[in-house]
Amino acid sequence: MADPRQNSAQNSAQTYFRKAEQSDDLIKKTLKKERAASAAKTANLRQLRLAKEAADKEEAEKLEAGRPAARKREPRSKPAAMLRLRY
């Protein structure tokens, strides 16, 4: 016959490892859910940012179309260089 102490130790070890595996599985599932939620949030924020950028660009184009064309400035002529006189 098997020693009852050895059988008891083996049973308690198996129970411990089963609980540890269940805990690991639960943690993995939780992390997976958190990552999915974070990815969805990031995608939503990206979509909102792109929509805002498109609206801002459209508004800027409307403002630009309403403005008269900018006049070009004529470049200034440089003053004559200073001459050093020797005495």
Protein backbone atom coordinates (compact mmCIF):
# COMPACT_ATOMS: atom_id res chain seq x y z
CA MET A 1 0.00 0.00 0.00
CA ALA A 2 0.98 3.59 -0.58
CA ASP A 3 2.04 5.69 2.33
CA PRO A 4 -0.95 7.95 3.31
CA ARG A 5 1.38 10.90 4.07
CA GLN A 6 2.92 10.72 0.60
CA ASN A 7 -0.51 10.47 -1.02
CA SER A 8 -1.73 13.46 1.01
CA ALA A 9 1.33 15.53 0.05
CA GLN A 10 0.88 14.65 -3.60
CA ASN A 11 -2.81 15.61 -3.49
CA SER A 12 -2.09 18.95 -1.82
CA ALA A 13 0.67 19.69 -4.38
CA GLN A 14 -1.67 18.89 -7.27
CA THR A 15 -4.37 21.09 -5.74
CA TYR A 16 -1.85 23.94 -5.33
CA PHE A 17 -0.69 23.70 -8.95
CA ARG A 18 -4.27 23.47 -10.26
CA LYS A 19 -5.14 26.67 -8.38
CA ALA A 20 -1.98 28.35 -9.70
CA GLU A 21 -2.89 27.40 -13.29
CA GLN A 22 -6.42 28.71 -12.82
CA SER A 23 -5.06 31.95 -11.43
CA ASP A 24 -2.65 32.28 -14.37
CA ASP A 25 -5.48 31.68 -16.84
CA LEU A 26 -7.63 34.31 -15.13
CA ILE A 27 -4.77 36.83 -15.25
CA LYS A 28 -4.15 36.11 -18.93
CA LYS A 29 -7.84 36.59 -19.76
CA THR A 30 -7.94 39.84 -17.80
CA LEU A 31 -4.84 41.17 -19.57
CA LYS A 32 -6.30 40.21 -22.93
CA LYS A 33 -9.51 42.10 -22.14
CA GLU A 34 -7.55 45.15 -20.97
CA ARG A 35 -5.42 45.15 -24.12
CA ALA A 36 -8.52 44.89 -26.31
CA ALA A 37 -10.17 47.78 -24.44
CA SER A 38 -7.02 49.87 -24.77
CA ALA A 39 -6.75 49.13 -28.49
CA ALA A 40 -10.40 50.09 -29.01
CA LYS A 41 -9.90 53.32 -27.07
CA THR A 42 -6.79 54.16 -29.09
CA ALA A 43 -8.60 53.48 -32.36
CA ASN A 44 -11.49 55.70 -31.29
CA LEU A 45 -9.17 58.54 -30.27
CA ARG A 46 -7.26 58.23 -33.55
CA GLN A 47 -10.51 58.43 -35.51
CA LEU A 48 -11.57 61.54 -33.58
CA ARG A 49 -8.16 63.17 -34.14
CA LEU A 50 -8.25 62.49 -37.87
CA ALA A 51 -11.79 63.90 -38.13
CA LYS A 52 -10.73 67.04 -36.24
CA GLU A 53 -7.66 67.49 -38.45
CA ALA A 54 -9.83 67.16 -41.57
CA ALA A 55 -12.31 69.74 -40.23
CA ASP A 56 -9.49 72.13 -39.32
CA LYS A 57 -7.94 71.74 -42.75
CA GLU A 58 -11.28 72.41 -44.44
CA GLU A 59 -11.82 75.52 -42.32
CA ALA A 60 -8.32 76.78 -43.11
CA GLU A 61 -8.94 76.28 -46.84
CA LYS A 62 -12.19 78.30 -46.59
CA LEU A 63 -10.38 81.12 -44.82
CA GLU A 64 -7.57 81.06 -47.37
CA ALA A 65 -10.05 81.21 -50.25
CA GLY A 66 -11.69 84.32 -48.74
CA ARG A 67 -8.44 86.26 -48.46
CA PRO A 68 -7.07 88.35 -51.30
CA ALA A 69 -3.86 87.18 -52.87
CA ALA A 70 -0.79 88.30 -50.99
CA ARG A 71 1.32 90.94 -52.69
CA LYS A 72 4.89 90.14 -53.37
CA ARG A 73 7.39 92.51 -51.90
CA GLU A 74 10.18 93.84 -53.98
CA PRO A 75 13.55 93.05 -52.51
CA ARG A 76 15.33 96.01 -51.00
CA SER A 77 18.53 97.11 -52.56
CA LYS A 78 21.49 96.82 -50.28
CA PRO A 79 23.24 100.04 -49.25
CA ALA A 80 26.66 100.65 -50.67
CA ALA A 81 29.46 99.04 -48.78
CA MET A 82 31.44 101.28 -46.47
CA LEU A 83 34.90 102.16 -47.67
CA ARG A 84 37.78 102.35 -45.27
CA LEU A 85 39.94 105.29 -45.94
CA ARG A 86 43.61 105.24 -45.06
CA TYR A 87 45.43 108.43 -44.14
